[in-house]
Protein backbone atom coordinates (compact mmCIF):
# COMPACT_ATOMS: atom_id res chain seq x y z
CA MET A 1 -116.50 -47.10 39.21
CA ARG A 2 -114.40 -47.70 36.29
CA LEU A 3 -110.91 -49.03 37.34
CA GLN A 4 -107.65 -50.02 35.40
CA ILE A 5 -104.71 -51.48 36.88
CA LYS A 6 -102.07 -50.97 33.92
CA ASN A 7 -98.69 -52.97 33.26
CA ILE A 8 -98.92 -55.47 36.09
CA ARG A 9 -97.89 -59.24 36.48
CA ILE A 10 -101.19 -61.08 36.79
CA VAL A 11 -101.14 -64.37 38.46
CA ASP A 12 -104.48 -66.12 38.47
CA PRO A 13 -104.39 -69.83 39.18
CA SER A 14 -107.97 -70.20 38.05
CA GLN A 15 -107.14 -69.53 34.36
CA LYS A 16 -103.23 -70.95 34.73
CA LYS A 17 -102.52 -67.42 34.15
CA ASP A 18 -99.10 -65.86 34.99
CA SER A 19 -98.13 -62.81 32.28
CA VAL A 20 -98.18 -58.93 32.63
CA GLY A 21 -101.13 -56.98 31.28
CA ASP A 22 -103.97 -54.63 32.26
CA ILE A 23 -107.25 -55.52 34.40
CA PHE A 24 -110.15 -53.64 33.94
CA ALA A 25 -113.07 -53.42 36.61
CA GLU A 26 -116.61 -51.88 35.96
CA ASN A 27 -119.54 -51.62 38.29
CA GLY A 28 -118.03 -54.41 40.70
CA ARG A 29 -117.06 -56.82 37.97
CA ILE A 30 -113.72 -57.39 35.74
CA VAL A 31 -114.32 -56.45 32.19
CA SER A 32 -112.16 -57.00 29.06
CA LYS A 33 -112.43 -53.22 28.53
CA LEU A 34 -113.88 -50.38 30.06
CA SER A 35 -117.02 -48.56 28.64
CA SER A 36 -115.41 -45.25 28.98
CA SER A 37 -112.30 -43.85 30.52
CA ALA A 38 -111.01 -45.15 33.87
CA ASP A 39 -112.25 -43.36 37.22
CA LYS A 40 -108.93 -44.69 38.83
CA VAL A 41 -105.57 -46.02 36.94
CA ILE A 42 -103.35 -47.93 39.08
CA ASP A 43 -99.69 -48.07 37.94
CA GLY A 44 -98.82 -51.91 38.61
CA LYS A 45 -95.32 -51.62 37.81
CA ASN A 46 -93.28 -54.16 39.66
CA LYS A 47 -96.15 -55.17 41.32
CA ILE A 48 -98.43 -58.68 41.57
CA ALA A 49 -102.39 -58.86 41.02
CA VAL A 50 -103.59 -61.91 42.26
CA PRO A 51 -107.59 -62.91 42.95
CA GLY A 52 -108.69 -61.42 46.42
CA LEU A 53 -107.50 -63.84 48.87
CA ILE A 54 -110.15 -65.78 50.78
CA ASP A 55 -109.46 -66.83 54.39
CA VAL A 56 -111.89 -69.40 55.17
CA HIS A 57 -111.44 -69.48 58.88
CA SER A 58 -111.62 -66.69 61.24
CA HIS A 59 -113.18 -65.47 64.28
CA LEU A 60 -114.86 -61.91 64.00
CA ARG A 61 -116.31 -62.42 67.82
CA GLU A 62 -119.19 -60.26 66.89
CA PRO A 63 -121.98 -60.63 68.40
CA GLY A 64 -121.16 -61.34 72.13
CA GLN A 65 -117.02 -60.62 72.09
CA GLU A 66 -116.54 -57.34 70.85
CA GLY A 67 -114.08 -56.57 73.33
CA LYS A 68 -111.84 -58.54 71.45
CA GLU A 69 -112.84 -57.87 67.78
CA THR A 70 -115.56 -56.66 65.73
CA ILE A 71 -116.63 -56.80 62.21
CA LYS A 72 -116.09 -53.08 61.82
CA THR A 73 -112.14 -53.61 63.47
CA GLY A 74 -111.67 -57.70 61.86
CA THR A 75 -112.52 -56.73 58.26
CA ARG A 76 -110.17 -53.57 58.23
CA ALA A 77 -107.23 -55.95 59.66
CA ALA A 78 -108.22 -58.46 56.88
CA ALA A 79 -108.14 -55.54 54.33
CA LYS A 80 -104.65 -54.86 55.39
CA GLY A 81 -103.77 -58.33 54.91
CA GLY A 82 -105.07 -58.32 51.50
CA ILE A 83 -108.04 -60.65 52.27
CA THR A 84 -111.08 -59.73 50.44
CA SER A 85 -113.20 -62.34 51.92
CA VAL A 86 -113.41 -64.11 55.49
CA LEU A 87 -115.50 -67.11 56.62
CA CYS A 88 -116.28 -66.48 60.13
CA MET A 89 -116.74 -69.17 62.58
CA PRO A 90 -119.94 -69.66 64.75
CA ASN A 91 -118.79 -69.55 68.15
CA THR A 92 -120.14 -66.03 68.62
CA LYS A 93 -122.61 -65.20 71.44
CA PRO A 94 -124.94 -65.99 70.67
CA ALA A 95 -123.64 -68.68 68.27
CA ILE A 96 -124.61 -68.78 64.90
CA ASP A 97 -127.27 -71.47 65.16
CA ASN A 98 -130.26 -69.14 64.10
CA ALA A 99 -131.31 -67.03 60.97
CA PRO A 100 -131.48 -63.70 63.02
CA THR A 101 -127.64 -64.15 64.07
CA VAL A 102 -126.96 -64.98 60.61
CA GLU A 103 -128.70 -61.83 59.51
CA PHE A 104 -127.57 -59.76 62.06
CA ILE A 105 -123.99 -60.72 61.23
CA LEU A 106 -124.39 -59.77 57.45
CA LEU A 107 -126.25 -56.55 58.06
CA LYS A 108 -123.33 -55.47 60.56
CA ALA A 109 -121.00 -56.64 57.42
CA GLN A 110 -122.89 -54.70 55.06
CA LYS A 111 -122.99 -51.65 57.27
CA GLU A 112 -119.56 -51.54 59.05
CA GLY A 113 -117.31 -54.03 56.98
CA ILE A 114 -114.93 -53.62 54.08
CA VAL A 115 -114.74 -57.27 52.92
CA ASN A 116 -117.05 -59.77 52.60
CA VAL A 117 -118.15 -61.67 55.27
CA PHE A 118 -119.65 -65.37 54.82
CA PRO A 119 -121.11 -66.67 57.85
CA VAL A 120 -120.50 -70.40 59.19
CA GLY A 121 -123.21 -71.96 60.89
CA CYS A 122 -123.26 -74.19 63.99
CA VAL A 123 -123.70 -78.11 63.07
CA THR A 124 -125.42 -78.52 66.41
CA LYS A 125 -127.38 -76.22 68.81
CA SER A 126 -125.29 -73.87 70.80
CA SER A 127 -122.49 -75.89 69.21
CA ALA A 128 -123.41 -78.31 72.56
CA GLY A 129 -123.04 -81.57 70.28
CA GLU A 130 -126.52 -82.99 71.44
CA GLU A 131 -128.71 -82.12 68.43
CA LEU A 132 -128.47 -80.57 64.98
CA SER A 133 -129.23 -76.93 64.24
CA GLU A 134 -131.60 -76.14 61.61
CA ILE A 135 -129.06 -76.22 58.71
CA GLY A 136 -131.41 -75.44 55.80
CA VAL A 137 -132.94 -72.38 57.42
CA LEU A 138 -129.28 -71.55 58.18
CA LYS A 139 -128.37 -72.18 54.63
CA LYS A 140 -131.56 -70.14 53.23
CA ALA A 141 -130.31 -67.06 55.45
CA GLY A 142 -126.73 -67.01 54.12
CA ILE A 143 -124.42 -69.66 55.68
CA VAL A 144 -121.75 -71.43 53.38
CA ALA A 145 -120.64 -74.17 55.58
CA VAL A 146 -121.42 -75.47 58.95
CA SER A 147 -119.14 -75.94 61.56
CA ASP A 148 -118.85 -76.27 65.72
CA ASP A 149 -115.38 -75.11 65.45
CA GLY A 150 -113.42 -74.95 69.03
CA SER A 151 -116.14 -77.68 70.16
CA PRO A 152 -115.91 -80.80 68.26
CA VAL A 153 -118.71 -83.19 67.34
CA SER A 154 -117.98 -85.65 69.72
CA ASN A 155 -120.92 -87.91 69.14
CA SER A 156 -120.27 -90.14 66.11
CA GLN A 157 -124.17 -90.30 65.19
CA ILE A 158 -124.90 -86.94 65.08
CA MET A 159 -121.73 -86.37 62.99
CA ARG A 160 -122.92 -88.87 60.71
CA ARG A 161 -126.21 -87.23 60.51
CA ALA A 162 -124.88 -83.74 59.72
CA LEU A 163 -122.67 -85.07 56.96
CA GLU A 164 -125.89 -87.20 55.64
CA TYR A 165 -128.03 -83.85 55.77
CA THR A 166 -125.71 -81.69 54.48
CA LYS A 167 -125.16 -83.13 51.16
CA MET A 168 -128.96 -81.93 50.23
CA PHE A 169 -127.66 -78.08 50.64
CA LYS A 170 -124.25 -78.77 49.29
CA LEU A 171 -122.65 -77.32 52.44
CA PRO A 172 -119.26 -78.54 53.46
CA VAL A 173 -119.19 -79.98 57.36
CA ILE A 174 -116.17 -78.23 58.71
CA SER A 175 -114.42 -80.54 61.57
CA HIS A 176 -112.51 -79.39 64.35
CA SER A 177 -110.56 -82.28 64.96
CA GLU A 178 -110.25 -82.76 68.65
CA ASP A 179 -110.92 -85.75 70.87
CA LYS A 180 -111.54 -84.01 73.89
CA GLU A 181 -110.98 -86.67 76.41
CA LEU A 182 -107.27 -86.93 75.09
CA SER A 183 -106.73 -83.11 75.24
CA LYS A 184 -108.07 -82.97 78.17
CA SER A 185 -106.49 -80.10 80.39
CA GLY A 186 -103.62 -79.94 77.92
CA VAL A 187 -102.06 -76.20 76.82
CA MET A 188 -99.57 -77.48 74.54
CA ASN A 189 -97.89 -80.18 72.21
CA GLU A 190 -96.86 -83.49 74.30
CA SER A 191 -93.20 -83.52 73.83
CA LYS A 192 -89.84 -83.44 75.25
CA ASN A 193 -90.66 -79.51 75.43
CA SER A 194 -93.88 -80.21 77.65
CA MET A 195 -91.97 -82.33 80.13
CA ILE A 196 -88.90 -79.46 80.38
CA LEU A 197 -91.58 -76.90 80.95
CA GLY A 198 -94.01 -78.68 83.11
CA LEU A 199 -96.75 -77.87 80.90
CA ARG A 200 -99.60 -80.47 80.47
CA GLY A 201 -99.31 -81.87 76.87
CA ILE A 202 -102.02 -82.59 74.24
CA PRO A 203 -100.80 -85.79 72.21
CA LYS A 204 -101.08 -85.83 68.08
CA GLN A 205 -103.44 -88.53 68.39
CA ALA A 206 -105.95 -86.34 69.87
CA GLU A 207 -106.58 -84.64 66.45
CA GLU A 208 -105.51 -87.64 64.23
CA VAL A 209 -108.17 -89.76 65.76
CA MET A 210 -111.05 -87.77 65.17
CA VAL A 211 -109.49 -86.89 61.50
CA ALA A 212 -109.68 -90.56 61.15
CA ARG A 213 -113.49 -91.03 62.53
CA ASP A 214 -114.41 -88.01 60.14
CA ILE A 215 -113.03 -89.19 57.16
CA MET A 216 -114.47 -92.81 57.96
CA LEU A 217 -118.04 -90.94 58.47
CA ALA A 218 -117.70 -89.00 55.27
CA GLU A 219 -116.97 -92.52 53.44
CA LEU A 220 -120.23 -93.93 54.95
CA THR A 221 -122.32 -91.03 54.08
CA GLY A 222 -120.73 -89.52 50.93
CA GLY A 223 -120.64 -86.16 52.78
CA TYR A 224 -118.66 -83.25 52.15
CA LEU A 225 -115.64 -83.11 55.02
CA HIS A 226 -113.59 -80.02 55.20
CA ILE A 227 -110.89 -80.68 58.04
CA ALA A 228 -109.93 -77.45 59.62
CA HIS A 229 -106.08 -76.52 60.77
CA VAL A 230 -104.22 -79.64 59.93
CA SER A 231 -101.04 -79.61 62.26
CA THR A 232 -99.61 -83.30 62.25
CA ALA A 233 -97.67 -85.22 60.12
CA GLY A 234 -100.25 -88.11 60.85
CA SER A 235 -103.43 -85.75 59.90
CA VAL A 236 -101.57 -85.13 56.51
CA GLU A 237 -101.14 -88.71 55.44
CA LEU A 238 -104.73 -89.57 56.33
CA VAL A 239 -106.26 -86.85 54.48
CA ARG A 240 -103.71 -87.82 51.61
CA GLN A 241 -105.00 -91.85 51.92
CA ALA A 242 -108.76 -90.54 51.92
CA LYS A 243 -108.09 -88.47 48.82
CA LYS A 244 -106.42 -91.51 47.06
CA LYS A 245 -109.89 -93.78 47.92
CA GLY A 246 -111.90 -90.81 46.28
CA ILE A 247 -113.56 -89.71 49.86
CA LYS A 248 -114.82 -86.08 49.73
CA VAL A 249 -112.27 -84.90 51.93
CA THR A 250 -110.15 -81.47 51.78
CA ALA A 251 -108.48 -79.73 54.50
CA GLU A 252 -106.56 -76.29 55.37
CA THR A 253 -103.68 -75.72 57.64
CA CYS A 254 -102.71 -72.46 59.18
CA PRO A 255 -99.30 -70.30 58.59
CA HIS A 256 -98.16 -70.91 62.42
CA TYR A 257 -98.16 -74.75 61.36
CA PHE A 258 -95.64 -74.54 58.85
CA THR A 259 -93.72 -71.66 60.11
CA LEU A 260 -93.53 -72.31 64.28
CA THR A 261 -92.76 -75.38 66.34
CA ASP A 262 -93.35 -75.91 70.06
CA ASP A 263 -89.63 -74.58 70.50
CA VAL A 264 -91.24 -71.40 70.71
CA VAL A 265 -93.12 -72.09 73.47
CA ARG A 266 -90.09 -72.26 75.74
CA VAL A 267 -90.25 -68.42 76.71
CA TYR A 268 -93.89 -69.21 78.36
CA ASP A 269 -95.36 -66.41 76.00
CA ALA A 270 -99.20 -66.98 75.33
CA ASN A 271 -98.95 -65.74 72.46
CA THR A 272 -97.29 -69.07 71.44
CA LYS A 273 -100.72 -70.79 72.93
CA MET A 274 -103.28 -72.10 70.22
CA ASN A 275 -105.19 -75.11 69.55
CA PRO A 276 -104.27 -77.42 67.95
CA PRO A 277 -100.73 -76.77 69.40
CA LEU A 278 -97.65 -76.09 67.62
CA ARG A 279 -96.06 -79.13 66.90
CA GLU A 280 -92.40 -80.57 66.25
CA ILE A 281 -90.41 -80.26 63.16
CA LYS A 282 -91.31 -83.19 61.64
CA ASP A 283 -94.79 -82.26 61.54
CA VAL A 284 -94.06 -78.70 60.20
CA GLU A 285 -92.23 -80.44 57.32
CA ALA A 286 -95.41 -83.01 56.85
CA VAL A 287 -97.41 -79.77 56.41
CA LYS A 288 -95.07 -78.46 53.98
CA VAL A 289 -95.18 -81.78 51.97
CA GLY A 290 -98.97 -81.89 52.11
CA LEU A 291 -99.08 -78.35 50.84
CA ALA A 292 -96.89 -79.37 47.98
CA ASP A 293 -98.42 -82.50 46.87
CA GLY A 294 -101.78 -80.83 47.06
CA THR A 295 -102.88 -82.93 50.07
CA ILE A 296 -103.76 -79.51 51.73
CA ASP A 297 -105.96 -77.80 49.94
CA CYS A 298 -106.50 -74.18 51.58
CA ILE A 299 -104.41 -71.86 53.71
CA ALA A 300 -106.31 -70.31 56.30
CA THR A 301 -105.49 -67.64 59.32
CA ASP A 302 -107.37 -69.44 62.00
CA HIS A 303 -107.76 -65.38 63.03
CA ALA A 304 -108.67 -65.89 66.74
CA PRO A 305 -108.32 -62.69 68.96
CA HIS A 306 -108.17 -62.25 72.39
CA THR A 307 -107.57 -59.18 74.65
CA ALA A 308 -104.25 -58.33 76.72
CA GLU A 309 -106.08 -58.99 79.66
CA GLU A 310 -106.62 -62.52 78.80
CA LYS A 311 -103.39 -63.53 77.40
CA ASN A 312 -101.47 -61.80 80.20
CA LYS A 313 -101.75 -64.58 82.29
CA GLU A 314 -99.97 -67.72 83.19
CA PHE A 315 -99.77 -70.02 79.89
CA ASP A 316 -101.80 -72.43 81.69
CA LEU A 317 -104.55 -70.11 82.07
CA ALA A 318 -104.64 -67.81 78.85
CA PRO A 319 -106.94 -69.15 76.34
CA PHE A 320 -106.27 -70.45 73.04
CA GLY A 321 -105.89 -68.82 69.59
CA ILE A 322 -103.87 -66.05 67.96
CA ILE A 323 -104.50 -63.11 65.47
CA GLY A 324 -103.71 -63.79 61.77
CA PHE A 325 -105.35 -61.55 58.98
CA GLU A 326 -102.32 -59.14 58.95
CA THR A 327 -99.62 -61.61 58.69
CA LEU A 328 -100.93 -64.26 56.42
CA LEU A 329 -99.71 -62.94 52.99
CA SER A 330 -96.18 -62.15 54.19
CA LEU A 331 -95.71 -65.41 55.70
CA VAL A 332 -96.95 -67.27 52.81
CA LEU A 333 -94.60 -65.35 50.75
CA ASN A 334 -91.55 -65.74 52.82
CA GLU A 335 -91.87 -69.38 54.14
CA LEU A 336 -93.56 -71.11 51.41
CA VAL A 337 -92.42 -69.23 48.08
CA ASP A 338 -89.25 -67.75 49.11
CA LYS A 339 -88.15 -71.10 50.31
CA LYS A 340 -89.63 -72.77 47.04
CA VAL A 341 -92.10 -74.95 49.08
CA LEU A 342 -94.73 -73.45 46.48
CA SER A 343 -94.53 -71.50 43.56
CA LEU A 344 -96.18 -68.26 43.63
CA SER A 345 -99.44 -69.25 41.82
CA GLY A 346 -99.44 -72.61 43.68
CA ALA A 347 -99.41 -70.56 47.35
CA ILE A 348 -102.12 -68.05 45.79
CA GLU A 349 -104.44 -71.03 44.34
CA LYS A 350 -105.00 -72.35 48.01
CA MET A 351 -105.99 -68.61 49.07
CA THR A 352 -108.26 -67.94 46.20
CA HIS A 353 -109.54 -70.46 43.92
CA ASN A 354 -109.40 -73.64 46.06
CA PRO A 355 -111.40 -72.04 48.90
CA ALA A 356 -113.97 -70.44 46.09
CA LEU A 357 -114.35 -73.95 45.04
CA ILE A 358 -114.94 -75.68 48.10
CA PHE A 359 -117.39 -73.36 49.64
CA ASN A 360 -119.16 -72.64 46.51
CA LEU A 361 -118.31 -68.95 46.46
CA GLU A 362 -119.57 -68.22 43.11
CA GLY A 363 -117.48 -65.51 40.95
CA ARG A 364 -114.52 -65.49 43.47
CA GLY A 365 -111.42 -66.50 43.84
CA THR A 366 -110.63 -65.78 40.00
CA LEU A 367 -110.06 -62.86 37.69
CA LYS A 368 -112.00 -64.60 34.70
CA GLU A 369 -114.08 -61.63 32.59
CA GLY A 370 -117.27 -61.48 34.65
CA ALA A 371 -116.07 -62.40 37.65
CA ILE A 372 -116.62 -60.06 41.00
CA ALA A 373 -113.78 -57.59 41.03
CA ASP A 374 -112.09 -59.03 44.20
CA ILE A 375 -108.13 -58.28 43.76
CA THR A 376 -105.18 -58.12 45.68
CA ILE A 377 -101.92 -56.12 44.41
CA ILE A 378 -99.10 -57.54 45.97
CA ASP A 379 -95.89 -55.59 46.62
CA PRO A 380 -92.80 -58.01 46.50
CA LYS A 381 -90.37 -55.60 47.58
CA TYR A 382 -92.14 -54.12 50.86
CA SER A 383 -90.02 -54.54 53.59
CA TYR A 384 -91.49 -53.92 56.71
CA GLU A 385 -91.26 -55.18 60.44
CA PHE A 386 -94.73 -56.34 62.33
CA THR A 387 -95.21 -54.15 65.32
CA LYS A 388 -98.03 -53.80 67.79
CA GLU A 389 -98.54 -50.55 67.32
CA SER A 390 -99.08 -51.41 63.34
CA ILE A 391 -101.75 -54.03 64.19
CA LEU A 392 -105.27 -52.95 62.97
CA SER A 393 -107.04 -55.76 64.77
CA LYS A 394 -108.46 -54.93 68.03
CA SER A 395 -106.52 -57.56 69.87
CA LYS A 396 -102.85 -57.72 69.47
CA ASN A 397 -102.00 -61.31 70.49
CA SER A 398 -99.30 -62.55 67.58
CA PRO A 399 -96.20 -64.57 67.94
CA PHE A 400 -95.09 -62.68 65.10
CA ILE A 401 -94.72 -59.28 66.79
CA GLY A 402 -91.01 -57.99 65.95
CA ARG A 403 -90.73 -60.35 62.68
CA LYS A 404 -89.31 -58.48 59.62
CA PHE A 405 -91.17 -59.62 56.38
CA GLN A 406 -90.39 -59.18 52.80
CA GLY A 407 -93.45 -58.88 50.55
CA GLY A 408 -96.94 -57.93 51.53
CA ALA A 409 -100.32 -56.38 50.08
CA ALA A 410 -99.99 -53.14 48.63
CA ILE A 411 -103.53 -52.24 47.76
CA THR A 412 -106.74 -54.35 48.29
CA ILE A 413 -110.14 -54.14 46.20
CA VAL A 414 -113.49 -55.42 47.23
CA ASN A 415 -116.10 -55.36 44.87
CA GLY A 416 -114.32 -53.26 42.44
CA LYS A 417 -113.92 -50.36 45.16
CA ILE A 418 -110.35 -49.99 46.77
CA VAL A 419 -110.26 -50.39 50.79
CA TYR A 420 -106.59 -50.61 51.64
CA THR A 421 -103.55 -49.00 50.34
CA ALA A 422 -100.12 -48.86 51.38
CA ILE A 423 -99.13 -47.25 48.18
CA ARG A 424 -97.43 -43.80 49.45
CA ASP A 425 -97.38 -41.47 46.64
């Protein structure tokens, strides 16, 4: 297919480009000009083209929990959000600790998915924290990183070996930073609000202790560490100091950690329950500073679907997690760009160029000639209300239902093909 996007503002942080022009794609790649006339011409007037968004932290739930989400439904929700590639976490059933499961996910994605799916393998077998997975076999099967997401690697010696072993495969180790003894039985941030609400709190130190430990182990081993879903001011500072020392560490945060505080838990809505929990305003501000000064490299969703039956329980009993594919871009635009925390280019970099570099996604996260034609077209004037009825994800567990947004994805292009469009002719 030959595609032309004409007269559009092109924002590509990988080339430090922000100018109006045309984009051409042929046979799934970005080209400087087409071999013949375009099969499809898109008028880009008043729109913005950026490299396809890459979400480095999501849960597609397949195999094993198809009642919550599938690769088919999850990738359609991602496309609606302007996301062209997702990294899916390994806490499936069975867990992604063996080559057949990796191959199953890749085959399903090829047959039923509409965006690129990159599996993350387990650090330890069954994420039990006791024995390293066969990481070399998983790498050969197609994983791009390892993590026991949701189940931190509590044993420091095993985490050390993981950081050492993965160096030969150039695989980042994604740390779900949580000391389970400190967070034990907690359901929200430990604060004045948890006392008022009578809910068991999770201290910030439950996250920060593990961030500190894993940074020390990364320094010891020279391994490559990526800190998932940073939520506290202390974690931001730990990562900042580690980078100053030259330790190989990168970090991500999620839109809810720069948008919401634990004040929203006061209505006992289980859609405000996530792990790590929503923190206090000083943490929200520190996360924003960390994004602005480059301490935090990526913005990810931690898309975690749960059924209505699971979430419609007492706050104590409901599972952690919220969906995020369909609100990622709008929250970044409204909370970071509109409020001048980040420039548009700076924000896009954390969802395109940086993820591609960190996770070695060659040919993605850029609009350079020869790159894979993953493109997100943004309509900055698109106003909408995020409603339960509009959600494409199989689950509807979002604290942002009812929120009004300005700006979102208009067209999502994956490998040169249009997979989602909101443009009304």
